[in-house]
Amino acid sequence: MEACSLLLGRPWEFDNDDIHHGRNNTYNFMHKGKKITMVPMTPTEIVQADRERAASLHEPKSKNHQVANSV
């Protein structure tokens, strides 16, 4: 799963009967009968996700991919 910025806007909030809690910076809504609360990542989680993403970019491709490219 990738982390990203999220811009919801009024139509999304209205259609999903969303509640935005400004001080906590959270969104609450119902999805398929379950209450979902979206919370922001902590600075530590952001740094860890950035490191993992950078490491995955530098991993060598699978052997099948390398063989296909060398043919």
C-alpha atoms as a PDB file:
ATOM      1  CA  MET A   1       0.000   0.000   0.000  1.00  0.00           C
ATOM      2  CA  GLU A   2       1.346   3.399  -0.932  1.00  0.00           C
ATOM      3  CA  ALA A   3       1.038   6.503   1.212  1.00  0.00           C
ATOM      4  CA  CYS A   4      -0.065   9.728  -0.404  1.00  0.00           C
ATOM      5  CA  SER A   5      -1.741  13.043   0.233  1.00  0.00           C
ATOM      6  CA  LEU A   6      -5.506  12.904   0.143  1.00  0.00           C
ATOM      7  CA  LEU A   7      -7.754  15.709  -1.063  1.00  0.00           C
ATOM      8  CA  LEU A   8     -11.354  14.754  -0.403  1.00  0.00           C
ATOM      9  CA  GLY A   9     -13.469  17.828  -1.011  1.00  0.00           C
ATOM     10  CA  ARG A  10     -17.104  18.552  -0.270  1.00  0.00           C
ATOM     11  CA  PRO A  11     -18.815  16.188  -2.766  1.00  0.00           C
ATOM     12  CA  TRP A  12     -16.987  13.187  -1.294  1.00  0.00           C
ATOM     13  CA  GLU A  13     -17.806  14.277   2.247  1.00  0.00           C
ATOM     14  CA  PHE A  14     -21.482  14.844   1.430  1.00  0.00           C
ATOM     15  CA  ASP A  15     -21.951  11.607  -0.538  1.00  0.00           C
ATOM     16  CA  ASN A  16     -20.383   9.476   2.193  1.00  0.00           C
ATOM     17  CA  ASP A  17     -21.946  11.319   5.153  1.00  0.00           C
ATOM     18  CA  ASP A  18     -18.404  12.031   6.311  1.00  0.00           C
ATOM     19  CA  ILE A  19     -17.479  13.823   9.527  1.00  0.00           C
ATOM     20  CA  HIS A  20     -14.191  15.732   9.601  1.00  0.00           C
ATOM     21  CA  HIS A  21     -12.667  16.430  13.011  1.00  0.00           C
ATOM     22  CA  GLY A  22     -10.352  19.381  12.413  1.00  0.00           C
ATOM     23  CA  ARG A  23      -8.406  19.357  15.669  1.00  0.00           C
ATOM     24  CA  ASN A  24      -7.637  15.647  15.410  1.00  0.00           C
ATOM     25  CA  ASN A  25      -7.316  15.800  11.604  1.00  0.00           C
ATOM     26  CA  THR A  26      -9.432  12.646  11.235  1.00  0.00           C
ATOM     27  CA  TYR A  27     -12.343  11.589   9.040  1.00  0.00           C
ATOM     28  CA  ASN A  28     -15.136   9.257  10.201  1.00  0.00           C
ATOM     29  CA  PHE A  29     -17.560   7.538   7.842  1.00  0.00           C
ATOM     30  CA  MET A  30     -19.467   4.287   7.340  1.00  0.00           C
ATOM     31  CA  HIS A  31     -18.407   1.831   4.607  1.00  0.00           C
ATOM     32  CA  LYS A  32     -20.277  -1.430   4.050  1.00  0.00           C
ATOM     33  CA  GLY A  33     -21.720  -1.236   7.543  1.00  0.00           C
ATOM     34  CA  LYS A  34     -18.367  -0.640   9.258  1.00  0.00           C
ATOM     35  CA  LYS A  35     -17.296   2.604  10.902  1.00  0.00           C
ATOM     36  CA  ILE A  36     -14.002   3.759   9.343  1.00  0.00           C
ATOM     37  CA  THR A  37     -11.718   6.345  10.921  1.00  0.00           C
ATOM     38  CA  MET A  38      -8.906   7.719   8.774  1.00  0.00           C
ATOM     39  CA  VAL A  39      -6.007   9.174  10.755  1.00  0.00           C
ATOM     40  CA  PRO A  40      -2.811  10.871   9.533  1.00  0.00           C
ATOM     41  CA  MET A  41       0.534   9.088   9.675  1.00  0.00           C
ATOM     42  CA  THR A  42       2.996  10.059  12.407  1.00  0.00           C
ATOM     43  CA  PRO A  43       6.297  11.658  11.345  1.00  0.00           C
ATOM     44  CA  THR A  44       8.091   8.398  12.267  1.00  0.00           C
ATOM     45  CA  GLU A  45       5.732   6.385  10.048  1.00  0.00           C
ATOM     46  CA  ILE A  46       6.311   8.820   7.165  1.00  0.00           C
ATOM     47  CA  VAL A  47      10.110   8.485   7.431  1.00  0.00           C
ATOM     48  CA  GLN A  48       9.870   4.683   7.621  1.00  0.00           C
ATOM     49  CA  ALA A  49       7.545   4.532   4.585  1.00  0.00           C
ATOM     50  CA  ASP A  50       9.920   6.797   2.613  1.00  0.00           C
ATOM     51  CA  ARG A  51      12.876   4.532   3.458  1.00  0.00           C
ATOM     52  CA  GLU A  52      10.960   1.404   2.440  1.00  0.00           C
ATOM     53  CA  ARG A  53       9.864   3.023  -0.820  1.00  0.00           C
ATOM     54  CA  ALA A  54      13.438   4.108  -1.610  1.00  0.00           C
ATOM     55  CA  ALA A  55      14.760   0.620  -0.835  1.00  0.00           C
ATOM     56  CA  SER A  56      12.173  -0.999  -3.096  1.00  0.00           C
ATOM     57  CA  LEU A  57      13.238   1.280  -5.958  1.00  0.00           C
ATOM     58  CA  HIS A  58      16.852   0.104  -5.626  1.00  0.00           C
ATOM     59  CA  GLU A  59      16.096  -3.637  -5.414  1.00  0.00           C
ATOM     60  CA  PRO A  60      17.299  -5.622  -8.424  1.00  0.00           C
ATOM     61  CA  LYS A  61      14.586  -6.825 -10.782  1.00  0.00           C
ATOM     62  CA  SER A  62      13.559 -10.478 -10.700  1.00  0.00           C
ATOM     63  CA  LYS A  63      15.602 -12.950 -12.783  1.00  0.00           C
ATOM     64  CA  ASN A  64      12.698 -13.466 -15.184  1.00  0.00           C
ATOM     65  CA  HIS A  65      12.566  -9.739 -15.877  1.00  0.00           C
ATOM     66  CA  GLN A  66      16.340  -9.572 -16.483  1.00  0.00           C
ATOM     67  CA  VAL A  67      16.262 -12.531 -18.884  1.00  0.00           C
ATOM     68  CA  ALA A  68      13.401 -11.007 -20.841  1.00  0.00           C
ATOM     69  CA  ASN A  69      15.297  -7.740 -21.200  1.00  0.00           C
ATOM     70  CA  SER A  70      18.548  -9.421 -22.310  1.00  0.00           C
ATOM     71  CA  VAL A  71      16.908 -11.407 -25.127  1.00  0.00           C
END
